[in-house]
C-alpha cells in the first residue's frame, strides 16, 4: 500500500487553513503550525471548514514549535511575507533533504530568480530576502512555485470560511516537468483544487502581481475599495501608469503579458467593491506586505536600469503610512541598487 506523503501547513490562516482542511479531508496526514487562540481552538475542536451551507471538521496534528513535528515530505508555506522573513530560520526542523516546499504567498517570492531571469538569474532580492535569511533556511532548490487564485477567510478561531475561486497554479522554477511536481499536482487535485501546471511559473507570479502591485498600495493609501480607485480618473490613470512600468520590467525578464492593461483592469472590476488584502491588513493593524508586492518590482527595475517613477512614488508613500501606523515590519530596501551592465 502506497504511503501518503506527510504534509505540514505553516501559517494556518485563511488560505493555509483551507489547504490543510481539504488535504486532511482527502486522507493525507496533515500537521499544522499555528499559534495563539487559533491554535488552541484547533487543538480543542479540530479545524472546521465552512463551504456554502456545509460545515465539516477535520482533526490535524498541531504544534507551535516546528521542532515538535520534524521533517515532512511536503511543506506548504502560507505566511504573510513579513512573517516569513522573521520566521524562516525556525522552520528548518521541518525540512529533510527531499522535502518539497510549496509557498502559497503574495508578491515576488525569494525563489523568483532560481534558474530564471537572464542577466538576473540567481539574484537575491533584498526587498523580500534581507540578508539572505530566507534563502539560507529554505533552499530554492526545494521549491515548487505556486500562485493562488482563490479566497477564504477566518470566520472564527479554528474556523475557515471558503470564498470564491478554486485555482492553484504550480510549476518548477526551472520550468521542467518533474516527478515531485507531478506528486504535488496529484495531492492538490485529490484535495479538490483545480490545479494548473505551468512551465512559466514566474510569468504567472508576475501576471497576478501586475494587478496587485498598484491596487493594494493605492487602496491602503486612500482607504478606498477597488471600484472607487478605478472610478476616479486620476487614480485609475495611476494604476495604468504603474502597470506600464511593471510590464516594461516583465519584458526585460522575458515575460510577456497575455492580456492588455485594460483587460487586467476589467478582471479587477468584476470583483466589485472589495477591499484589497493590504487595506484589510491596515485596518486590522497587521504588518503590510509592501516589499513583496511593490518593493520587489521596484528593486528589479533598479537592477535592470528601468525607471519606475510612478511605482516608486507610491512605494514611498505607502511605506511612510505604514511606518507612521507601526505596520512596517522591517527596513529591507536599503540604498538603491546599481543596474547590471548591459
C-alpha atoms as a PDB file:
ATOM      1  CA  UNK A   1       0.000   0.000   0.000  1.00  0.00           C
ATOM      2  CA  UNK A   2       1.404   3.374  -1.031  1.00  0.00           C
ATOM      3  CA  UNK A   3       2.081   5.729   1.848  1.00  0.00           C
ATOM      4  CA  UNK A   4       0.526   9.176   1.681  1.00  0.00           C
ATOM      5  CA  UNK A   5       3.154  11.943   1.865  1.00  0.00           C
ATOM      6  CA  UNK A   6       3.406  13.588   5.257  1.00  0.00           C
ATOM      7  CA  UNK A   7       2.223  17.183   4.930  1.00  0.00           C
ATOM      8  CA  UNK A   8       2.784  20.267   7.051  1.00  0.00           C
ATOM      9  CA  UNK A   9       0.984  23.574   6.552  1.00  0.00           C
ATOM     10  CA  UNK A  10       2.807  26.559   8.010  1.00  0.00           C
ATOM     11  CA  UNK A  11       0.564  29.541   8.650  1.00  0.00           C
ATOM     12  CA  UNK A  12      -2.955  28.162   9.035  1.00  0.00           C
ATOM     13  CA  UNK A  13      -4.734  31.392   8.242  1.00  0.00           C
ATOM     14  CA  UNK A  14      -7.348  31.802   5.542  1.00  0.00           C
ATOM     15  CA  UNK A  15      -5.501  30.161   2.628  1.00  0.00           C
ATOM     16  CA  UNK A  16      -3.306  27.843   4.692  1.00  0.00           C
ATOM     17  CA  UNK A  17      -6.298  26.681   6.697  1.00  0.00           C
ATOM     18  CA  UNK A  18      -8.217  25.895   3.535  1.00  0.00           C
ATOM     19  CA  UNK A  19      -5.331  23.854   2.098  1.00  0.00           C
ATOM     20  CA  UNK A  20      -4.869  21.982   5.384  1.00  0.00           C
ATOM     21  CA  UNK A  21      -8.567  21.167   5.718  1.00  0.00           C
ATOM     22  CA  UNK A  22      -9.006  19.965   2.131  1.00  0.00           C
ATOM     23  CA  UNK A  23      -5.893  17.768   2.202  1.00  0.00           C
ATOM     24  CA  UNK A  24      -6.974  16.270   5.525  1.00  0.00           C
ATOM     25  CA  UNK A  25     -10.405  15.545   4.053  1.00  0.00           C
ATOM     26  CA  UNK A  26      -8.629  13.748   1.194  1.00  0.00           C
ATOM     27  CA  UNK A  27      -6.930  11.442   3.697  1.00  0.00           C
ATOM     28  CA  UNK A  28      -3.474  12.997   3.928  1.00  0.00           C
ATOM     29  CA  UNK A  29      -1.770  13.095   7.333  1.00  0.00           C
ATOM     30  CA  UNK A  30      -1.617  16.842   7.951  1.00  0.00           C
ATOM     31  CA  UNK A  31       0.312  18.693  10.639  1.00  0.00           C
ATOM     32  CA  UNK A  32      -0.231  22.419  11.120  1.00  0.00           C
ATOM     33  CA  UNK A  33       1.858  25.142  12.694  1.00  0.00           C
ATOM     34  CA  UNK A  34      -0.299  27.758  14.369  1.00  0.00           C
ATOM     35  CA  UNK A  35      -0.300  29.920  17.453  1.00  0.00           C
ATOM     36  CA  UNK A  36      -2.469  31.742  19.954  1.00  0.00           C
ATOM     37  CA  UNK A  37      -6.229  31.460  20.029  1.00  0.00           C
ATOM     38  CA  UNK A  38      -6.304  29.853  16.582  1.00  0.00           C
ATOM     39  CA  UNK A  39      -4.003  27.041  17.745  1.00  0.00           C
ATOM     40  CA  UNK A  40      -5.977  26.466  20.942  1.00  0.00           C
ATOM     41  CA  UNK A  41      -9.254  26.252  19.020  1.00  0.00           C
ATOM     42  CA  UNK A  42      -7.865  23.719  16.523  1.00  0.00           C
ATOM     43  CA  UNK A  43      -6.395  21.616  19.326  1.00  0.00           C
ATOM     44  CA  UNK A  44      -9.691  21.595  21.216  1.00  0.00           C
ATOM     45  CA  UNK A  45     -12.227  21.313  18.414  1.00  0.00           C
ATOM     46  CA  UNK A  46     -10.395  20.395  15.207  1.00  0.00           C
ATOM     47  CA  UNK A  47     -10.069  22.538  12.079  1.00  0.00           C
ATOM     48  CA  UNK A  48     -13.504  23.494  10.738  1.00  0.00           C
ATOM     49  CA  UNK A  49     -14.237  24.421   7.123  1.00  0.00           C
ATOM     50  CA  UNK A  50     -17.423  26.156   6.007  1.00  0.00           C
ATOM     51  CA  UNK A  51     -18.261  25.736   2.311  1.00  0.00           C
ATOM     52  CA  UNK A  52     -21.573  27.344   1.432  1.00  0.00           C
ATOM     53  CA  UNK A  53     -24.118  25.913   3.862  1.00  0.00           C
ATOM     54  CA  UNK A  54     -21.916  22.940   4.799  1.00  0.00           C
ATOM     55  CA  UNK A  55     -19.607  22.803   7.798  1.00  0.00           C
ATOM     56  CA  UNK A  56     -17.104  19.977   8.240  1.00  0.00           C
ATOM     57  CA  UNK A  57     -14.407  19.429  10.856  1.00  0.00           C
ATOM     58  CA  UNK A  58     -11.119  17.561  10.450  1.00  0.00           C
ATOM     59  CA  UNK A  59      -8.552  16.541  13.018  1.00  0.00           C
ATOM     60  CA  UNK A  60      -4.989  17.615  12.326  1.00  0.00           C
ATOM     61  CA  UNK A  61      -1.846  17.391  14.423  1.00  0.00           C
ATOM     62  CA  UNK A  62      -0.929  20.785  15.831  1.00  0.00           C
ATOM     63  CA  UNK A  63       2.155  22.500  17.166  1.00  0.00           C
ATOM     64  CA  UNK A  64       3.532  25.984  17.724  1.00  0.00           C
ATOM     65  CA  UNK A  65       7.147  24.787  17.545  1.00  0.00           C
ATOM     66  CA  UNK A  66       8.497  23.155  14.336  1.00  0.00           C
ATOM     67  CA  UNK A  67      10.915  21.003  16.329  1.00  0.00           C
ATOM     68  CA  UNK A  68       7.923  19.134  17.749  1.00  0.00           C
ATOM     69  CA  UNK A  69       6.934  17.979  14.250  1.00  0.00           C
ATOM     70  CA  UNK A  70      10.192  17.102  12.494  1.00  0.00           C
ATOM     71  CA  UNK A  71      10.817  16.640   8.743  1.00  0.00           C
ATOM     72  CA  UNK A  72       7.920  16.323   6.280  1.00  0.00           C
ATOM     73  CA  UNK A  73       7.567  15.247   2.671  1.00  0.00           C
ATOM     74  CA  UNK A  74       5.733  18.411   1.615  1.00  0.00           C
ATOM     75  CA  UNK A  75       5.588  21.753   3.442  1.00  0.00           C
ATOM     76  CA  UNK A  76       3.078  24.399   2.364  1.00  0.00           C
ATOM     77  CA  UNK A  77       4.076  27.899   3.483  1.00  0.00           C
ATOM     78  CA  UNK A  78       1.118  30.258   3.783  1.00  0.00           C
ATOM     79  CA  UNK A  79       2.700  33.029   5.853  1.00  0.00           C
ATOM     80  CA  UNK A  80       2.439  36.692   5.016  1.00  0.00           C
ATOM     81  CA  UNK A  81       5.766  37.822   3.550  1.00  0.00           C
ATOM     82  CA  UNK A  82       6.905  39.927   6.554  1.00  0.00           C
ATOM     83  CA  UNK A  83       6.283  36.961   8.869  1.00  0.00           C
ATOM     84  CA  UNK A  84       8.414  34.658   6.737  1.00  0.00           C
ATOM     85  CA  UNK A  85      11.418  36.972   6.976  1.00  0.00           C
ATOM     86  CA  UNK A  86      11.239  36.718  10.757  1.00  0.00           C
ATOM     87  CA  UNK A  87      10.367  33.003  10.936  1.00  0.00           C
ATOM     88  CA  UNK A  88      12.240  31.260   8.121  1.00  0.00           C
ATOM     89  CA  UNK A  89      15.133  30.151  10.327  1.00  0.00           C
ATOM     90  CA  UNK A  90      12.767  28.467  12.773  1.00  0.00           C
ATOM     91  CA  UNK A  91      11.268  26.281  10.033  1.00  0.00           C
ATOM     92  CA  UNK A  92      14.384  24.255   9.254  1.00  0.00           C
ATOM     93  CA  UNK A  93      13.343  21.324  11.528  1.00  0.00           C
ATOM     94  CA  UNK A  94      10.501  20.670   9.058  1.00  0.00           C
ATOM     95  CA  UNK A  95      12.933  20.066   6.193  1.00  0.00           C
ATOM     96  CA  UNK A  96      14.748  16.950   5.139  1.00  0.00           C
ATOM     97  CA  UNK A  97      16.948  16.679   2.040  1.00  0.00           C
ATOM     98  CA  UNK A  98      13.957  15.671  -0.135  1.00  0.00           C
ATOM     99  CA  UNK A  99      11.282  17.896   1.402  1.00  0.00           C
ATOM    100  CA  UNK A 100       9.277  19.828  -1.191  1.00  0.00           C
ATOM    101  CA  UNK A 101       8.448  23.415  -0.265  1.00  0.00           C
ATOM    102  CA  UNK A 102       5.274  24.915  -1.753  1.00  0.00           C
ATOM    103  CA  UNK A 103       4.960  28.616  -0.846  1.00  0.00           C
ATOM    104  CA  UNK A 104       1.425  29.999  -1.229  1.00  0.00           C
ATOM    105  CA  UNK A 105       2.163  33.679  -0.756  1.00  0.00           C
ATOM    106  CA  UNK A 106       1.551  37.100  -2.277  1.00  0.00           C
ATOM    107  CA  UNK A 107       4.055  39.135  -4.247  1.00  0.00           C
ATOM    108  CA  UNK A 108       7.508  38.314  -5.595  1.00  0.00           C
ATOM    109  CA  UNK A 109       8.928  35.297  -3.699  1.00  0.00           C
ATOM    110  CA  UNK A 110      12.503  34.744  -2.558  1.00  0.00           C
ATOM    111  CA  UNK A 111      12.941  31.901  -5.077  1.00  0.00           C
ATOM    112  CA  UNK A 112      11.874  34.007  -8.103  1.00  0.00           C
ATOM    113  CA  UNK A 113      15.288  34.108  -9.808  1.00  0.00           C
ATOM    114  CA  UNK A 114      16.242  30.491  -9.149  1.00  0.00           C
ATOM    115  CA  UNK A 115      17.207  29.153 -12.594  1.00  0.00           C
ATOM    116  CA  UNK A 116      15.371  32.084 -14.203  1.00  0.00           C
ATOM    117  CA  UNK A 117      15.876  35.713 -15.108  1.00  0.00           C
ATOM    118  CA  UNK A 118      18.517  36.067 -17.832  1.00  0.00           C
ATOM    119  CA  UNK A 119      21.007  38.635 -16.534  1.00  0.00           C
ATOM    120  CA  UNK A 120      19.385  38.403 -13.109  1.00  0.00           C
ATOM    121  CA  UNK A 121      19.479  34.617 -12.737  1.00  0.00           C
ATOM    122  CA  UNK A 122      20.351  33.722  -9.163  1.00  0.00           C
ATOM    123  CA  UNK A 123      19.744  37.269  -7.892  1.00  0.00           C
ATOM    124  CA  UNK A 124      18.698  37.653  -4.258  1.00  0.00           C
ATOM    125  CA  UNK A 125      16.237  40.478  -3.723  1.00  0.00           C
ATOM    126  CA  UNK A 126      16.956  42.438  -0.552  1.00  0.00           C
ATOM    127  CA  UNK A 127      13.349  43.657  -0.557  1.00  0.00           C
ATOM    128  CA  UNK A 128      11.999  40.152   0.104  1.00  0.00           C
ATOM    129  CA  UNK A 129      15.052  38.305   1.467  1.00  0.00           C
ATOM    130  CA  UNK A 130      17.067  40.816   3.502  1.00  0.00           C
ATOM    131  CA  UNK A 131      20.481  39.442   4.320  1.00  0.00           C
ATOM    132  CA  UNK A 132      19.618  36.126   2.644  1.00  0.00           C
ATOM    133  CA  UNK A 133      17.868  34.849   5.785  1.00  0.00           C
ATOM    134  CA  UNK A 134      15.135  33.042   3.853  1.00  0.00           C
ATOM    135  CA  UNK A 135      17.432  31.555   1.189  1.00  0.00           C
ATOM    136  CA  UNK A 136      19.730  30.066   3.801  1.00  0.00           C
ATOM    137  CA  UNK A 137      16.883  28.380   5.650  1.00  0.00           C
ATOM    138  CA  UNK A 138      14.516  27.473   2.794  1.00  0.00           C
ATOM    139  CA  UNK A 139      16.608  26.481  -0.246  1.00  0.00           C
ATOM    140  CA  UNK A 140      15.148  27.493  -3.601  1.00  0.00           C
ATOM    141  CA  UNK A 141      16.245  24.088  -4.941  1.00  0.00           C
ATOM    142  CA  UNK A 142      13.465  22.505  -2.871  1.00  0.00           C
ATOM    143  CA  UNK A 143      10.694  24.852  -4.028  1.00  0.00           C
ATOM    144  CA  UNK A 144       7.686  24.183  -6.236  1.00  0.00           C
ATOM    145  CA  UNK A 145       6.243  27.603  -7.070  1.00  0.00           C
ATOM    146  CA  UNK A 146       2.563  28.331  -6.746  1.00  0.00           C
ATOM    147  CA  UNK A 147       0.136  31.146  -7.485  1.00  0.00           C
ATOM    148  CA  UNK A 148      -3.140  31.220  -5.564  1.00  0.00           C
ATOM    149  CA  UNK A 149      -6.357  32.202  -7.337  1.00  0.00           C
ATOM    150  CA  UNK A 150      -8.916  31.575  -4.621  1.00  0.00           C
ATOM    151  CA  UNK A 151     -10.147  33.274  -1.488  1.00  0.00           C
ATOM    152  CA  UNK A 152     -11.135  32.324   2.027  1.00  0.00           C
ATOM    153  CA  UNK A 153     -11.332  33.940   5.440  1.00  0.00           C
ATOM    154  CA  UNK A 154     -11.081  33.098   9.114  1.00  0.00           C
ATOM    155  CA  UNK A 155     -14.663  33.072  10.390  1.00  0.00           C
ATOM    156  CA  UNK A 156     -13.571  32.397  13.981  1.00  0.00           C
ATOM    157  CA  UNK A 157     -10.556  30.820  15.688  1.00  0.00           C
ATOM    158  CA  UNK A 158     -10.155  27.362  14.170  1.00  0.00           C
ATOM    159  CA  UNK A 159     -12.864  28.014  11.558  1.00  0.00           C
ATOM    160  CA  UNK A 160     -12.178  28.730   7.860  1.00  0.00           C
ATOM    161  CA  UNK A 161     -14.868  30.052   5.520  1.00  0.00           C
ATOM    162  CA  UNK A 162     -14.310  29.297   1.851  1.00  0.00           C
ATOM    163  CA  UNK A 163     -14.775  32.182  -0.597  1.00  0.00           C
ATOM    164  CA  UNK A 164     -14.682  32.294  -4.376  1.00  0.00           C
ATOM    165  CA  UNK A 165     -12.218  30.681  -6.786  1.00  0.00           C
ATOM    166  CA  UNK A 166     -10.553  27.275  -6.700  1.00  0.00           C
ATOM    167  CA  UNK A 167      -7.429  27.541  -8.878  1.00  0.00           C
ATOM    168  CA  UNK A 168      -3.857  26.820  -7.834  1.00  0.00           C
ATOM    169  CA  UNK A 169      -1.168  27.300 -10.498  1.00  0.00           C
ATOM    170  CA  UNK A 170       2.007  25.330  -9.813  1.00  0.00           C
ATOM    171  CA  UNK A 171       5.358  24.889 -11.527  1.00  0.00           C
ATOM    172  CA  UNK A 172       9.054  24.261 -11.120  1.00  0.00           C
ATOM    173  CA  UNK A 173      11.093  27.498 -11.066  1.00  0.00           C
ATOM    174  CA  UNK A 174      13.222  25.958 -13.830  1.00  0.00           C
ATOM    175  CA  UNK A 175      10.154  25.233 -15.977  1.00  0.00           C
ATOM    176  CA  UNK A 176      10.758  21.477 -16.118  1.00  0.00           C
ATOM    177  CA  UNK A 177       8.053  18.859 -15.527  1.00  0.00           C
ATOM    178  CA  UNK A 178       9.451  16.871 -12.615  1.00  0.00           C
ATOM    179  CA  UNK A 179       8.294  13.887 -10.630  1.00  0.00           C
ATOM    180  CA  UNK A 180       7.918  15.968  -7.482  1.00  0.00           C
ATOM    181  CA  UNK A 181       5.747  18.456  -9.368  1.00  0.00           C
ATOM    182  CA  UNK A 182       3.518  15.600 -10.504  1.00  0.00           C
ATOM    183  CA  UNK A 183       3.170  14.442  -6.898  1.00  0.00           C
ATOM    184  CA  UNK A 184       2.177  17.912  -5.703  1.00  0.00           C
ATOM    185  CA  UNK A 185      -0.364  18.197  -8.519  1.00  0.00           C
ATOM    186  CA  UNK A 186      -1.897  14.839  -7.591  1.00  0.00           C
ATOM    187  CA  UNK A 187      -2.094  15.798  -3.926  1.00  0.00           C
ATOM    188  CA  UNK A 188      -3.827  19.109  -4.594  1.00  0.00           C
ATOM    189  CA  UNK A 189      -6.235  17.583  -7.107  1.00  0.00           C
ATOM    190  CA  UNK A 190      -7.203  14.948  -4.572  1.00  0.00           C
ATOM    191  CA  UNK A 191      -7.867  17.830  -2.199  1.00  0.00           C
ATOM    192  CA  UNK A 192     -10.429  19.134  -4.680  1.00  0.00           C
ATOM    193  CA  UNK A 193      -8.489  22.056  -6.104  1.00  0.00           C
ATOM    194  CA  UNK A 194      -8.346  22.942  -9.787  1.00  0.00           C
ATOM    195  CA  UNK A 195      -4.622  22.651 -10.439  1.00  0.00           C
ATOM    196  CA  UNK A 196      -2.974  24.215 -13.479  1.00  0.00           C
ATOM    197  CA  UNK A 197       0.654  23.205 -14.057  1.00  0.00           C
ATOM    198  CA  UNK A 198       2.818  25.677 -15.940  1.00  0.00           C
ATOM    199  CA  UNK A 199       6.375  25.759 -17.320  1.00  0.00           C
ATOM    200  CA  UNK A 200       6.353  29.540 -16.690  1.00  0.00           C
ATOM    201  CA  UNK A 201       5.577  29.960 -13.011  1.00  0.00           C
ATOM    202  CA  UNK A 202       7.426  33.297 -12.822  1.00  0.00           C
ATOM    203  CA  UNK A 203       5.172  34.659 -15.543  1.00  0.00           C
ATOM    204  CA  UNK A 204       2.114  33.628 -13.520  1.00  0.00           C
ATOM    205  CA  UNK A 205       3.565  35.323 -10.438  1.00  0.00           C
ATOM    206  CA  UNK A 206       4.132  38.492 -12.463  1.00  0.00           C
ATOM    207  CA  UNK A 207       0.682  38.437 -14.059  1.00  0.00           C
ATOM    208  CA  UNK A 208      -1.034  38.289 -10.652  1.00  0.00           C
ATOM    209  CA  UNK A 209       1.348  40.922  -9.307  1.00  0.00           C
ATOM    210  CA  UNK A 210       0.518  43.161 -12.272  1.00  0.00           C
ATOM    211  CA  UNK A 211      -2.874  43.879 -10.726  1.00  0.00           C
ATOM    212  CA  UNK A 212      -1.870  43.703  -7.059  1.00  0.00           C
ATOM    213  CA  UNK A 213       1.181  45.979  -7.012  1.00  0.00           C
ATOM    214  CA  UNK A 214      -0.964  49.029  -7.799  1.00  0.00           C
ATOM    215  CA  UNK A 215      -4.417  48.312  -6.353  1.00  0.00           C
ATOM    216  CA  UNK A 216      -3.103  47.127  -2.976  1.00  0.00           C
ATOM    217  CA  UNK A 217      -0.950  50.142  -2.022  1.00  0.00           C
ATOM    218  CA  UNK A 218      -3.292  52.713  -3.575  1.00  0.00           C
ATOM    219  CA  UNK A 219      -6.208  51.269  -1.611  1.00  0.00           C
ATOM    220  CA  UNK A 220      -4.105  51.307   1.581  1.00  0.00           C
ATOM    221  CA  UNK A 221      -3.224  54.963   0.999  1.00  0.00           C
ATOM    222  CA  UNK A 222      -6.778  56.064   0.198  1.00  0.00           C
ATOM    223  CA  UNK A 223      -8.882  53.663   2.266  1.00  0.00           C
ATOM    224  CA  UNK A 224     -10.923  53.024  -0.886  1.00  0.00           C
ATOM    225  CA  UNK A 225     -12.378  49.831  -2.255  1.00  0.00           C
ATOM    226  CA  UNK A 226     -11.137  48.718  -5.668  1.00  0.00           C
ATOM    227  CA  UNK A 227     -14.135  50.034  -7.580  1.00  0.00           C
ATOM    228  CA  UNK A 228     -13.668  53.516  -6.095  1.00  0.00           C
ATOM    229  CA  UNK A 229      -9.982  53.541  -7.112  1.00  0.00           C
ATOM    230  CA  UNK A 230     -10.908  52.633 -10.681  1.00  0.00           C
ATOM    231  CA  UNK A 231     -13.896  55.011 -10.843  1.00  0.00           C
ATOM    232  CA  UNK A 232     -11.701  58.050 -10.186  1.00  0.00           C
ATOM    233  CA  UNK A 233      -9.960  59.013 -13.450  1.00  0.00           C
ATOM    234  CA  UNK A 234      -6.795  60.194 -11.706  1.00  0.00           C
ATOM    235  CA  UNK A 235      -6.220  57.124  -9.529  1.00  0.00           C
ATOM    236  CA  UNK A 236      -7.295  54.906 -12.432  1.00  0.00           C
ATOM    237  CA  UNK A 237      -4.585  56.522 -14.564  1.00  0.00           C
ATOM    238  CA  UNK A 238      -2.052  55.970 -11.793  1.00  0.00           C
ATOM    239  CA  UNK A 239      -2.969  52.271 -11.833  1.00  0.00           C
ATOM    240  CA  UNK A 240      -2.324  52.188 -15.586  1.00  0.00           C
ATOM    241  CA  UNK A 241       0.973  54.060 -15.287  1.00  0.00           C
ATOM    242  CA  UNK A 242       2.220  51.572 -12.697  1.00  0.00           C
ATOM    243  CA  UNK A 243       1.093  48.682 -14.883  1.00  0.00           C
ATOM    244  CA  UNK A 244       3.061  50.056 -17.822  1.00  0.00           C
ATOM    245  CA  UNK A 245       6.185  50.268 -15.677  1.00  0.00           C
ATOM    246  CA  UNK A 246       5.748  46.690 -14.454  1.00  0.00           C
ATOM    247  CA  UNK A 247       5.096  45.457 -17.989  1.00  0.00           C
ATOM    248  CA  UNK A 248       8.408  47.002 -19.118  1.00  0.00           C
ATOM    249  CA  UNK A 249      10.257  45.191 -16.327  1.00  0.00           C
ATOM    250  CA  UNK A 250       8.483  41.963 -17.236  1.00  0.00           C
ATOM    251  CA  UNK A 251       9.502  42.281 -20.895  1.00  0.00           C
ATOM    252  CA  UNK A 252      13.119  42.751 -19.845  1.00  0.00           C
ATOM    253  CA  UNK A 253      12.845  39.438 -17.977  1.00  0.00           C
ATOM    254  CA  UNK A 254      11.292  37.693 -20.982  1.00  0.00           C
ATOM    255  CA  UNK A 255       7.771  37.830 -19.537  1.00  0.00           C
ATOM    256  CA  UNK A 256       5.093  38.912 -21.965  1.00  0.00           C
ATOM    257  CA  UNK A 257       1.652  39.688 -20.566  1.00  0.00           C
ATOM    258  CA  UNK A 258      -1.154  37.564 -22.007  1.00  0.00           C
ATOM    259  CA  UNK A 259      -3.618  40.468 -21.758  1.00  0.00           C
ATOM    260  CA  UNK A 260      -3.669  44.226 -22.046  1.00  0.00           C
ATOM    261  CA  UNK A 261      -3.781  46.576 -19.071  1.00  0.00           C
ATOM    262  CA  UNK A 262      -7.439  47.280 -19.863  1.00  0.00           C
ATOM    263  CA  UNK A 263      -8.234  43.560 -19.825  1.00  0.00           C
ATOM    264  CA  UNK A 264      -6.448  43.068 -16.493  1.00  0.00           C
ATOM    265  CA  UNK A 265      -8.299  46.035 -15.004  1.00  0.00           C
ATOM    266  CA  UNK A 266     -11.575  44.538 -16.253  1.00  0.00           C
ATOM    267  CA  UNK A 267     -10.806  41.386 -14.253  1.00  0.00           C
ATOM    268  CA  UNK A 268     -10.412  43.521 -11.132  1.00  0.00           C
ATOM    269  CA  UNK A 269     -13.651  45.363 -11.880  1.00  0.00           C
ATOM    270  CA  UNK A 270     -15.548  42.072 -11.990  1.00  0.00           C
ATOM    271  CA  UNK A 271     -14.738  41.577  -8.298  1.00  0.00           C
ATOM    272  CA  UNK A 272     -16.770  44.673  -7.409  1.00  0.00           C
ATOM    273  CA  UNK A 273     -16.412  46.824  -4.300  1.00  0.00           C
ATOM    274  CA  UNK A 274     -13.863  44.709  -2.452  1.00  0.00           C
ATOM    275  CA  UNK A 275     -11.158  45.700  -0.006  1.00  0.00           C
ATOM    276  CA  UNK A 276      -7.681  44.611  -1.066  1.00  0.00           C
ATOM    277  CA  UNK A 277      -5.666  42.412   1.274  1.00  0.00           C
ATOM    278  CA  UNK A 278      -3.344  45.323   2.079  1.00  0.00           C
ATOM    279  CA  UNK A 279      -6.240  47.563   3.082  1.00  0.00           C
ATOM    280  CA  UNK A 280      -7.670  44.762   5.219  1.00  0.00           C
ATOM    281  CA  UNK A 281      -4.289  44.305   6.918  1.00  0.00           C
ATOM    282  CA  UNK A 282      -4.022  48.040   7.563  1.00  0.00           C
ATOM    283  CA  UNK A 283      -7.494  48.216   9.098  1.00  0.00           C
ATOM    284  CA  UNK A 284      -6.725  45.157  11.257  1.00  0.00           C
ATOM    285  CA  UNK A 285      -3.384  46.525  12.456  1.00  0.00           C
ATOM    286  CA  UNK A 286      -1.292  43.834  10.757  1.00  0.00           C
ATOM    287  CA  UNK A 287       2.087  44.444   9.040  1.00  0.00           C
ATOM    288  CA  UNK A 288       1.672  45.338   5.370  1.00  0.00           C
ATOM    289  CA  UNK A 289       3.195  43.234   2.565  1.00  0.00           C
ATOM    290  CA  UNK A 290       4.683  46.315   0.927  1.00  0.00           C
ATOM    291  CA  UNK A 291       8.083  44.961  -0.037  1.00  0.00           C
ATOM    292  CA  UNK A 292       6.968  41.695  -1.644  1.00  0.00           C
ATOM    293  CA  UNK A 293       4.146  43.368  -3.563  1.00  0.00           C
ATOM    294  CA  UNK A 294       5.717  46.677  -4.632  1.00  0.00           C
ATOM    295  CA  UNK A 295       9.248  46.964  -3.246  1.00  0.00           C
ATOM    296  CA  UNK A 296      10.463  43.918  -5.174  1.00  0.00           C
ATOM    297  CA  UNK A 297       9.258  45.093  -8.616  1.00  0.00           C
ATOM    298  CA  UNK A 298      10.947  48.451  -7.968  1.00  0.00           C
ATOM    299  CA  UNK A 299      14.175  46.714  -6.918  1.00  0.00           C
ATOM    300  CA  UNK A 300      14.107  44.581 -10.066  1.00  0.00           C
ATOM    301  CA  UNK A 301      13.553  47.721 -12.137  1.00  0.00           C
ATOM    302  CA  UNK A 302      16.606  49.303 -10.473  1.00  0.00           C
ATOM    303  CA  UNK A 303      18.744  46.265 -11.208  1.00  0.00           C
ATOM    304  CA  UNK A 304      17.704  46.367 -14.859  1.00  0.00           C
ATOM    305  CA  UNK A 305      18.062  50.140 -15.168  1.00  0.00           C
ATOM    306  CA  UNK A 306      14.348  50.624 -15.938  1.00  0.00           C
ATOM    307  CA  UNK A 307      12.804  53.802 -14.468  1.00  0.00           C
ATOM    308  CA  UNK A 308       9.664  53.293 -12.359  1.00  0.00           C
ATOM    309  CA  UNK A 309       8.807  56.806 -11.095  1.00  0.00           C
ATOM    310  CA  UNK A 310       5.097  56.188 -10.508  1.00  0.00           C
ATOM    311  CA  UNK A 311       5.648  52.895  -8.696  1.00  0.00           C
ATOM    312  CA  UNK A 312       8.443  54.359  -6.564  1.00  0.00           C
ATOM    313  CA  UNK A 313       6.328  57.349  -5.561  1.00  0.00           C
ATOM    314  CA  UNK A 314       3.519  55.052  -4.406  1.00  0.00           C
ATOM    315  CA  UNK A 315       6.062  52.790  -2.678  1.00  0.00           C
ATOM    316  CA  UNK A 316       7.494  55.723  -0.719  1.00  0.00           C
ATOM    317  CA  UNK A 317       4.076  57.000   0.321  1.00  0.00           C
ATOM    318  CA  UNK A 318       2.856  53.561   1.370  1.00  0.00           C
ATOM    319  CA  UNK A 319       5.990  52.881   3.418  1.00  0.00           C
ATOM    320  CA  UNK A 320       5.566  56.200   5.209  1.00  0.00           C
ATOM    321  CA  UNK A 321       1.939  55.493   6.045  1.00  0.00           C
ATOM    322  CA  UNK A 322       2.828  52.005   7.304  1.00  0.00           C
ATOM    323  CA  UNK A 323       5.721  53.356   9.401  1.00  0.00           C
ATOM    324  CA  UNK A 324       3.512  56.013  10.962  1.00  0.00           C
ATOM    325  CA  UNK A 325       0.986  53.342  11.933  1.00  0.00           C
ATOM    326  CA  UNK A 326       3.649  50.937  13.195  1.00  0.00           C
ATOM    327  CA  UNK A 327       2.806  48.454  10.432  1.00  0.00           C
ATOM    328  CA  UNK A 328       6.083  48.329   8.511  1.00  0.00           C
ATOM    329  CA  UNK A 329       7.776  45.161   9.710  1.00  0.00           C
ATOM    330  CA  UNK A 330      11.383  45.838   8.702  1.00  0.00           C
ATOM    331  CA  UNK A 331      13.606  48.129   6.689  1.00  0.00           C
ATOM    332  CA  UNK A 332      14.638  45.906   3.812  1.00  0.00           C
ATOM    333  CA  UNK A 333      15.317  48.079   0.812  1.00  0.00           C
ATOM    334  CA  UNK A 334      18.422  49.970   1.783  1.00  0.00           C
ATOM    335  CA  UNK A 335      20.071  52.147  -0.856  1.00  0.00           C
ATOM    336  CA  UNK A 336      19.018  51.886  -4.476  1.00  0.00           C
ATOM    337  CA  UNK A 337      20.953  49.120  -6.199  1.00  0.00           C
ATOM    338  CA  UNK A 338      23.025  49.733  -9.285  1.00  0.00           C
ATOM    339  CA  UNK A 339      21.762  48.266 -12.581  1.00  0.00           C
ATOM    340  CA  UNK A 340      23.640  45.399 -14.136  1.00  0.00           C
ATOM    341  CA  UNK A 341      25.817  46.282 -17.127  1.00  0.00           C
ATOM    342  CA  UNK A 342      24.107  45.743 -20.471  1.00  0.00           C
END
